[in-house]
Structure formats: structure tokens, C-alpha cells
Amino acid sequence: KTSVRCPMRSPSSWRVGRALGSCYGFVVLLGWHGAADTHLKEFTDALEACGFDTARCVASAFIACGSPTRLIDFARQVLTCTQLSCRQADDPVALYVLSNGALLYQAIAEQLATNSAFAELRTRHRATVFDSAPVAADTSALTF
């Protein structure tokens, strides 16, 4: 298993892990505020053992609770890094939202729905898992 960093301006907490052997897709884990990388790594290690490439990140309180512009910029960084971190250009993508990572998910969903730079990634988005994440996001724009 290898860990790589996104080759562009990426969130400082962005970490990518690779499944051994065949890959079934790419899962982005959005952690809760204050989550340590070691906590998130437990989740990504399990996903990698099941054949998924992964990335994990946490939006700091400065980003998540600051101006909407900061959160949108961070969401764009996460989506761009997702595009660049996939092994194949057609890898299916899933988002795994832990606890209050839902604030970041809402910004990501909005960018997937409205930003043409992520139109191709939107077609590969196959699932979103909410693990105790309170969310009131309007997902009606995410019809596929």
C-alpha cells in the first residue's frame, strides 16, 4: 500500500491510500472537526483492504465555521484532488461523511451540481454514506 499527496494545492490534511491489487473505486472520507489522522486511517485501512483506493481529509473549524468562501474553496480543492488522485479516469467515486463533515459535504454537493469543472466527476459519483452526519443539504440538484 502506498500513500501519495495530491500534486496540486491540496488541503493540508489530504492523504491518499491505495488498495493492493484490483481497485473497485475511490472513496473520499470527510472527517469530523478535530479528527486526528490516525482515527480516519482506521476507516481508510479497512476500505483499502476491501479493494478501494481512498483519500481522507478534515476541514478545520477555521474553514468549516468561517466564511462560506473558505468552505467553497476547500470543497473545490477536495474535488480537484479527487480527480487527480483516482488511478483511472473512469473510477467510480463515493463520499463517506463522518459526523460533522456534513458541512463540507454540503459545499461539495453544491460544487458537483453547479460547477462545470466537476461535470465529469459528477457522472462518476456513485454513492454518499452518512455515518452519524447531521445534514440538511438540498440534494435535489444531484439528479443523475
N, C-alpha and C. Protein backbone atom coordinates (compact mmCIF):
# COMPACT_ATOMS: atom_id res chain seq x y z
N LYS A 1 0.86 -1.18 0.00
CA LYS A 1 0.00 0.00 0.00
C LYS A 1 0.90 1.23 0.00
N THR A 2 0.54 2.22 -0.80
CA THR A 2 1.32 3.45 -0.84
C THR A 2 0.46 4.63 -0.45
N SER A 3 1.09 5.66 0.06
CA SER A 3 0.40 6.91 0.33
C SER A 3 1.01 7.97 -0.56
N VAL A 4 0.17 8.75 -1.18
CA VAL A 4 0.65 9.82 -2.05
C VAL A 4 -0.07 11.11 -1.67
N ARG A 5 0.52 12.22 -2.05
CA ARG A 5 -0.12 13.52 -1.83
C ARG A 5 -0.62 14.03 -3.15
N CYS A 6 -1.68 14.81 -3.09
CA CYS A 6 -2.24 15.41 -4.29
C CYS A 6 -1.20 16.34 -4.89
N PRO A 7 -0.97 16.27 -6.20
CA PRO A 7 0.10 17.05 -6.82
C PRO A 7 -0.20 18.53 -7.04
N MET A 8 -1.31 19.02 -6.55
CA MET A 8 -1.63 20.43 -6.68
C MET A 8 -1.90 21.02 -5.30
N ARG A 9 -2.29 22.27 -5.23
CA ARG A 9 -2.63 22.87 -3.95
C ARG A 9 -3.76 22.06 -3.32
N SER A 10 -3.44 21.37 -2.25
CA SER A 10 -4.41 20.47 -1.66
C SER A 10 -4.66 20.83 -0.21
N PRO A 11 -5.77 20.36 0.33
CA PRO A 11 -5.98 20.55 1.75
C PRO A 11 -4.81 19.92 2.51
N SER A 12 -4.34 20.58 3.55
CA SER A 12 -3.17 20.08 4.27
C SER A 12 -3.41 18.71 4.86
N SER A 13 -4.66 18.36 5.11
CA SER A 13 -4.96 17.06 5.70
C SER A 13 -5.22 15.97 4.67
N TRP A 14 -5.07 16.26 3.38
CA TRP A 14 -5.37 15.30 2.31
C TRP A 14 -4.35 14.17 2.31
N ARG A 15 -4.83 12.94 2.46
CA ARG A 15 -3.97 11.76 2.41
C ARG A 15 -4.64 10.74 1.51
N VAL A 16 -3.85 10.12 0.63
CA VAL A 16 -4.37 9.12 -0.30
C VAL A 16 -3.74 7.78 0.01
N GLY A 17 -4.55 6.73 0.02
CA GLY A 17 -4.07 5.38 0.20
C GLY A 17 -4.52 4.51 -0.96
N ARG A 18 -3.75 3.51 -1.27
CA ARG A 18 -4.05 2.64 -2.41
C ARG A 18 -4.37 1.23 -1.96
N ALA A 19 -5.38 0.65 -2.59
CA ALA A 19 -5.70 -0.75 -2.35
C ALA A 19 -4.63 -1.61 -2.99
N LEU A 20 -4.38 -2.75 -2.40
CA LEU A 20 -3.48 -3.70 -3.04
C LEU A 20 -4.25 -4.44 -4.11
N GLY A 21 -3.67 -4.57 -5.28
CA GLY A 21 -4.33 -5.30 -6.34
C GLY A 21 -5.42 -4.49 -7.03
N SER A 22 -6.49 -5.19 -7.39
CA SER A 22 -7.59 -4.56 -8.12
C SER A 22 -8.26 -3.47 -7.30
N CYS A 23 -8.74 -2.47 -8.00
CA CYS A 23 -9.41 -1.35 -7.34
C CYS A 23 -10.85 -1.27 -7.82
N TYR A 24 -11.78 -1.19 -6.86
CA TYR A 24 -13.20 -1.12 -7.19
C TYR A 24 -13.71 0.31 -7.31
N GLY A 25 -12.91 1.27 -6.88
CA GLY A 25 -13.33 2.66 -6.92
C GLY A 25 -12.55 3.49 -5.93
N PHE A 26 -12.95 4.74 -5.81
CA PHE A 26 -12.24 5.71 -4.97
C PHE A 26 -13.22 6.27 -3.93
N VAL A 27 -12.86 6.18 -2.66
CA VAL A 27 -13.71 6.66 -1.57
C VAL A 27 -13.02 7.83 -0.88
N VAL A 28 -13.73 8.95 -0.79
CA VAL A 28 -13.22 10.13 -0.09
C VAL A 28 -13.88 10.18 1.28
N LEU A 29 -13.07 10.12 2.32
CA LEU A 29 -13.56 10.15 3.70
C LEU A 29 -13.45 11.58 4.23
N LEU A 30 -14.59 12.15 4.60
CA LEU A 30 -14.63 13.51 5.13
C LEU A 30 -14.81 13.41 6.64
N GLY A 31 -13.76 13.72 7.38
CA GLY A 31 -13.76 13.52 8.82
C GLY A 31 -14.42 14.64 9.60
N TRP A 32 -14.66 14.36 10.85
CA TRP A 32 -15.26 15.32 11.77
C TRP A 32 -14.22 16.34 12.21
N HIS A 33 -14.69 17.50 12.67
CA HIS A 33 -13.77 18.54 13.14
C HIS A 33 -12.92 18.02 14.29
N GLY A 34 -11.64 18.24 14.19
CA GLY A 34 -10.73 17.82 15.25
C GLY A 34 -10.31 16.37 15.15
N ALA A 35 -10.76 15.66 14.14
CA ALA A 35 -10.36 14.25 14.00
C ALA A 35 -8.86 14.17 13.72
N ALA A 36 -8.22 13.26 14.39
CA ALA A 36 -6.80 13.00 14.13
C ALA A 36 -6.69 12.07 12.93
N ASP A 37 -5.62 12.21 12.18
CA ASP A 37 -5.42 11.36 11.01
C ASP A 37 -5.44 9.89 11.39
N THR A 38 -4.93 9.55 12.57
CA THR A 38 -4.94 8.15 12.98
C THR A 38 -6.35 7.60 13.14
N HIS A 39 -7.31 8.46 13.55
CA HIS A 39 -8.70 8.00 13.65
C HIS A 39 -9.27 7.69 12.27
N LEU A 40 -9.03 8.57 11.32
CA LEU A 40 -9.55 8.38 9.97
C LEU A 40 -8.86 7.23 9.26
N LYS A 41 -7.59 7.03 9.57
CA LYS A 41 -6.81 5.98 8.92
C LYS A 41 -7.40 4.59 9.21
N GLU A 42 -8.01 4.41 10.37
CA GLU A 42 -8.66 3.13 10.67
C GLU A 42 -9.75 2.83 9.63
N PHE A 43 -10.52 3.84 9.26
CA PHE A 43 -11.58 3.67 8.26
C PHE A 43 -10.98 3.39 6.88
N THR A 44 -9.97 4.21 6.48
CA THR A 44 -9.41 4.04 5.14
C THR A 44 -8.64 2.73 5.01
N ASP A 45 -7.99 2.28 6.09
CA ASP A 45 -7.30 0.98 6.05
C ASP A 45 -8.30 -0.14 5.76
N ALA A 46 -9.47 -0.09 6.40
CA ALA A 46 -10.49 -1.12 6.18
C ALA A 46 -11.00 -1.08 4.73
N LEU A 47 -11.23 0.12 4.21
CA LEU A 47 -11.70 0.26 2.83
C LEU A 47 -10.64 -0.22 1.84
N GLU A 48 -9.37 0.10 2.10
CA GLU A 48 -8.29 -0.34 1.21
C GLU A 48 -8.15 -1.86 1.23
N ALA A 49 -8.35 -2.47 2.39
CA ALA A 49 -8.30 -3.93 2.49
C ALA A 49 -9.41 -4.59 1.68
N CYS A 50 -10.50 -3.86 1.47
CA CYS A 50 -11.64 -4.37 0.68
C CYS A 50 -11.51 -4.02 -0.81
N GLY A 51 -10.41 -3.37 -1.21
CA GLY A 51 -10.18 -3.11 -2.63
C GLY A 51 -10.52 -1.72 -3.11
N PHE A 52 -10.61 -0.75 -2.23
CA PHE A 52 -10.90 0.63 -2.63
C PHE A 52 -9.70 1.52 -2.38
N ASP A 53 -9.40 2.38 -3.35
CA ASP A 53 -8.46 3.46 -3.11
C ASP A 53 -9.18 4.49 -2.26
N THR A 54 -8.45 5.23 -1.44
CA THR A 54 -9.09 6.16 -0.52
C THR A 54 -8.34 7.49 -0.45
N ALA A 55 -9.07 8.48 0.02
CA ALA A 55 -8.46 9.75 0.43
C ALA A 55 -9.20 10.15 1.69
N ARG A 56 -8.51 10.86 2.56
CA ARG A 56 -9.15 11.34 3.78
C ARG A 56 -8.73 12.77 4.04
N CYS A 57 -9.67 13.53 4.59
CA CYS A 57 -9.36 14.92 4.93
C CYS A 57 -10.34 15.42 5.97
N VAL A 58 -9.95 16.51 6.62
CA VAL A 58 -10.77 17.17 7.63
C VAL A 58 -10.73 18.66 7.34
N ALA A 59 -11.89 19.28 7.34
CA ALA A 59 -11.95 20.74 7.23
C ALA A 59 -11.80 21.30 8.65
N SER A 60 -10.84 22.15 8.85
CA SER A 60 -10.64 22.74 10.17
C SER A 60 -11.83 23.62 10.53
N ALA A 61 -11.95 23.93 11.81
CA ALA A 61 -13.03 24.82 12.26
C ALA A 61 -12.90 26.18 11.58
N PHE A 62 -11.67 26.63 11.32
CA PHE A 62 -11.43 27.89 10.63
C PHE A 62 -12.09 27.89 9.25
N ILE A 63 -12.03 26.74 8.58
CA ILE A 63 -12.62 26.62 7.24
C ILE A 63 -14.13 26.37 7.34
N ALA A 64 -14.52 25.39 8.13
CA ALA A 64 -15.92 24.99 8.18
C ALA A 64 -16.83 26.03 8.83
N CYS A 65 -16.31 26.75 9.80
CA CYS A 65 -17.15 27.70 10.52
C CYS A 65 -16.82 29.15 10.16
N GLY A 66 -15.93 29.32 9.21
CA GLY A 66 -15.56 30.67 8.79
C GLY A 66 -16.48 31.14 7.68
N SER A 67 -15.91 31.87 6.77
CA SER A 67 -16.72 32.42 5.68
C SER A 67 -17.12 31.31 4.71
N PRO A 68 -18.27 31.44 4.08
CA PRO A 68 -18.69 30.45 3.08
C PRO A 68 -17.66 30.32 1.95
N THR A 69 -16.96 31.41 1.65
CA THR A 69 -15.96 31.38 0.58
C THR A 69 -14.84 30.39 0.91
N ARG A 70 -14.40 30.35 2.15
CA ARG A 70 -13.35 29.40 2.56
C ARG A 70 -13.82 27.96 2.39
N LEU A 71 -15.05 27.69 2.79
CA LEU A 71 -15.57 26.33 2.70
C LEU A 71 -15.74 25.91 1.24
N ILE A 72 -16.20 26.80 0.40
CA ILE A 72 -16.35 26.51 -1.03
C ILE A 72 -14.98 26.26 -1.67
N ASP A 73 -13.99 27.08 -1.32
CA ASP A 73 -12.64 26.89 -1.84
C ASP A 73 -12.09 25.53 -1.42
N PHE A 74 -12.29 25.17 -0.17
CA PHE A 74 -11.83 23.87 0.33
C PHE A 74 -12.54 22.73 -0.41
N ALA A 75 -13.85 22.87 -0.63
CA ALA A 75 -14.61 21.85 -1.37
C ALA A 75 -14.05 21.69 -2.78
N ARG A 76 -13.73 22.78 -3.43
CA ARG A 76 -13.14 22.71 -4.78
C ARG A 76 -11.79 22.02 -4.74
N GLN A 77 -11.00 22.29 -3.70
CA GLN A 77 -9.71 21.62 -3.57
C GLN A 77 -9.90 20.11 -3.41
N VAL A 78 -10.85 19.71 -2.58
CA VAL A 78 -11.13 18.29 -2.37
C VAL A 78 -11.55 17.64 -3.68
N LEU A 79 -12.44 18.27 -4.43
CA LEU A 79 -12.90 17.70 -5.70
C LEU A 79 -11.78 17.63 -6.74
N THR A 80 -10.96 18.66 -6.80
CA THR A 80 -9.84 18.65 -7.74
C THR A 80 -8.85 17.55 -7.37
N CYS A 81 -8.54 17.44 -6.09
CA CYS A 81 -7.64 16.37 -5.65
C CYS A 81 -8.24 14.99 -5.91
N THR A 82 -9.54 14.87 -5.79
CA THR A 82 -10.20 13.60 -6.09
C THR A 82 -9.99 13.25 -7.56
N GLN A 83 -10.18 14.22 -8.44
CA GLN A 83 -9.97 13.99 -9.88
C GLN A 83 -8.54 13.54 -10.14
N LEU A 84 -7.57 14.18 -9.49
CA LEU A 84 -6.16 13.90 -9.75
C LEU A 84 -5.66 12.64 -9.05
N SER A 85 -6.35 12.20 -8.01
CA SER A 85 -5.88 11.07 -7.21
C SER A 85 -6.41 9.72 -7.68
N CYS A 86 -7.46 9.70 -8.49
CA CYS A 86 -8.00 8.44 -8.98
C CYS A 86 -7.00 7.75 -9.91
N ARG A 87 -6.91 6.45 -9.80
CA ARG A 87 -6.00 5.70 -10.67
C ARG A 87 -6.42 5.79 -12.13
N GLN A 88 -7.73 5.62 -12.36
CA GLN A 88 -8.28 5.63 -13.71
C GLN A 88 -9.24 6.80 -13.84
N ALA A 89 -9.34 7.35 -15.02
CA ALA A 89 -10.21 8.50 -15.26
C ALA A 89 -11.68 8.15 -15.12
N ASP A 90 -12.02 6.85 -15.12
CA ASP A 90 -13.42 6.46 -15.01
C ASP A 90 -13.74 5.74 -13.70
N ASP A 91 -12.85 5.83 -12.71
CA ASP A 91 -13.10 5.20 -11.41
C ASP A 91 -14.39 5.74 -10.79
N PRO A 92 -15.26 4.85 -10.31
CA PRO A 92 -16.42 5.33 -9.56
C PRO A 92 -15.95 5.99 -8.26
N VAL A 93 -16.68 7.00 -7.82
CA VAL A 93 -16.30 7.76 -6.64
C VAL A 93 -17.45 7.74 -5.63
N ALA A 94 -17.09 7.56 -4.36
CA ALA A 94 -18.06 7.64 -3.27
C ALA A 94 -17.53 8.60 -2.22
N LEU A 95 -18.43 9.28 -1.55
CA LEU A 95 -18.09 10.17 -0.44
C LEU A 95 -18.58 9.51 0.84
N TYR A 96 -17.71 9.48 1.85
CA TYR A 96 -18.04 8.89 3.15
C TYR A 96 -17.94 10.00 4.17
N VAL A 97 -19.08 10.43 4.70
CA VAL A 97 -19.16 11.61 5.56
C VAL A 97 -19.30 11.17 7.02
N LEU A 98 -18.33 11.54 7.83
CA LEU A 98 -18.35 11.20 9.25
C LEU A 98 -18.74 12.41 10.09
N SER A 99 -19.76 12.25 10.88
CA SER A 99 -20.21 13.26 11.84
C SER A 99 -20.36 14.63 11.19
N ASN A 100 -19.74 15.67 11.74
CA ASN A 100 -19.98 17.00 11.21
C ASN A 100 -19.14 17.33 9.98
N GLY A 101 -18.61 16.33 9.30
CA GLY A 101 -18.05 16.53 7.98
C GLY A 101 -19.15 16.89 6.98
N ALA A 102 -20.40 16.86 7.44
CA ALA A 102 -21.54 17.18 6.58
C ALA A 102 -21.52 18.62 6.10
N LEU A 103 -20.93 19.52 6.88
CA LEU A 103 -20.79 20.91 6.42
C LEU A 103 -19.98 20.95 5.13
N LEU A 104 -18.89 20.20 5.11
CA LEU A 104 -18.07 20.13 3.91
C LEU A 104 -18.81 19.42 2.79
N TYR A 105 -19.54 18.35 3.13
CA TYR A 105 -20.29 17.63 2.10
C TYR A 105 -21.28 18.56 1.39
N GLN A 106 -21.95 19.41 2.13
CA GLN A 106 -22.92 20.30 1.52
C GLN A 106 -22.25 21.19 0.48
N ALA A 107 -21.06 21.71 0.80
CA ALA A 107 -20.32 22.54 -0.16
C ALA A 107 -19.86 21.71 -1.36
N ILE A 108 -19.45 20.46 -1.11
CA ILE A 108 -19.02 19.58 -2.20
C ILE A 108 -20.20 19.26 -3.12
N ALA A 109 -21.35 18.92 -2.53
CA ALA A 109 -22.53 18.59 -3.33
C ALA A 109 -22.94 19.77 -4.21
N GLU A 110 -22.86 20.97 -3.65
CA GLU A 110 -23.20 22.16 -4.43
C GLU A 110 -22.25 22.35 -5.60
N GLN A 111 -20.95 22.13 -5.36
CA GLN A 111 -19.96 22.27 -6.44
C GLN A 111 -20.15 21.18 -7.50
N LEU A 112 -20.44 19.95 -7.07
CA LEU A 112 -20.69 18.88 -8.04
C LEU A 112 -21.89 19.21 -8.93
N ALA A 113 -22.90 19.81 -8.34
CA ALA A 113 -24.13 20.10 -9.07
C ALA A 113 -24.02 21.31 -9.99
N THR A 114 -23.18 22.29 -9.65
CA THR A 114 -23.21 23.56 -10.37
C THR A 114 -21.93 23.95 -11.09
N ASN A 115 -20.80 23.39 -10.69
CA ASN A 115 -19.52 23.82 -11.25
C ASN A 115 -19.14 22.94 -12.44
N SER A 116 -19.06 23.52 -13.61
CA SER A 116 -18.77 22.73 -14.83
C SER A 116 -17.40 22.06 -14.78
N ALA A 117 -16.49 22.56 -13.98
CA ALA A 117 -15.17 21.94 -13.85
C ALA A 117 -15.27 20.52 -13.27
N PHE A 118 -16.39 20.23 -12.61
CA PHE A 118 -16.56 18.92 -11.98
C PHE A 118 -17.67 18.10 -12.63
N ALA A 119 -18.08 18.46 -13.83
CA ALA A 119 -19.17 17.76 -14.52
C ALA A 119 -18.81 16.29 -14.75
N GLU A 120 -17.60 16.01 -15.15
CA GLU A 120 -17.17 14.63 -15.41
C GLU A 120 -17.13 13.85 -14.10
N LEU A 121 -16.64 14.46 -13.04
CA LEU A 121 -16.61 13.80 -11.74
C LEU A 121 -18.02 13.52 -11.24
N ARG A 122 -18.95 14.41 -11.51
CA ARG A 122 -20.35 14.22 -11.12
C ARG A 122 -20.90 12.94 -11.74
N THR A 123 -20.51 12.61 -12.97
CA THR A 123 -21.01 11.40 -13.61
C THR A 123 -20.44 10.13 -12.97
N ARG A 124 -19.33 10.26 -12.26
CA ARG A 124 -18.71 9.09 -11.61
C ARG A 124 -19.09 8.96 -10.14
N HIS A 125 -19.76 9.97 -9.59
CA HIS A 125 -20.18 9.92 -8.19
C HIS A 125 -21.30 8.90 -8.06
N ARG A 126 -21.04 7.82 -7.33
CA ARG A 126 -21.99 6.71 -7.24
C ARG A 126 -22.72 6.63 -5.90
N ALA A 127 -22.11 7.16 -4.84
CA ALA A 127 -22.73 6.99 -3.52
C ALA A 127 -22.21 8.02 -2.54
N THR A 128 -23.05 8.30 -1.55
CA THR A 128 -22.63 9.08 -0.39
C THR A 128 -23.12 8.33 0.84
N VAL A 129 -22.20 8.09 1.76
CA VAL A 129 -22.51 7.41 3.01
C VAL A 129 -22.48 8.45 4.12
N PHE A 130 -23.56 8.55 4.89
CA PHE A 130 -23.60 9.43 6.06
C PHE A 130 -23.49 8.56 7.31
N ASP A 131 -22.43 8.73 8.04
CA ASP A 131 -22.21 8.00 9.28
C ASP A 131 -22.39 8.98 10.43
N SER A 132 -23.56 9.04 10.97
CA SER A 132 -23.95 9.96 12.05
C SER A 132 -23.71 11.41 11.69
N ALA A 133 -23.94 11.74 10.44
CA ALA A 133 -23.72 13.11 9.98
C ALA A 133 -25.05 13.86 9.89
N PRO A 134 -25.24 14.85 10.75
CA PRO A 134 -26.46 15.65 10.61
C PRO A 134 -26.37 16.49 9.34
N VAL A 135 -27.37 16.40 8.50
CA VAL A 135 -27.30 17.13 7.25
C VAL A 135 -28.70 17.59 6.86
N ALA A 136 -28.75 18.80 6.36
CA ALA A 136 -29.99 19.35 5.84
C ALA A 136 -29.74 19.88 4.44
N ALA A 137 -28.83 19.23 3.73
CA ALA A 137 -28.44 19.68 2.39
C ALA A 137 -29.56 19.42 1.40
N ASP A 138 -29.72 20.34 0.48
CA ASP A 138 -30.68 20.16 -0.59
C ASP A 138 -29.97 19.38 -1.70
N THR A 139 -30.30 18.12 -1.83
CA THR A 139 -29.64 17.26 -2.82
C THR A 139 -30.45 17.14 -4.10
N SER A 140 -31.51 17.92 -4.25
CA SER A 140 -32.36 17.80 -5.43
C SER A 140 -31.59 18.14 -6.71
N ALA A 141 -30.54 18.95 -6.59
CA ALA A 141 -29.75 19.31 -7.76
C ALA A 141 -28.87 18.17 -8.22
N LEU A 142 -28.74 17.11 -7.43
CA LEU A 142 -27.85 16.00 -7.76
C LEU A 142 -28.57 14.86 -8.46
N THR A 143 -29.53 15.15 -9.30
CA THR A 143 -30.19 14.08 -10.04
C THR A 143 -29.27 13.61 -11.16
N PHE A 144 -29.24 12.32 -11.38
CA PHE A 144 -28.34 11.75 -12.39
C PHE A 144 -29.14 11.01 -13.42
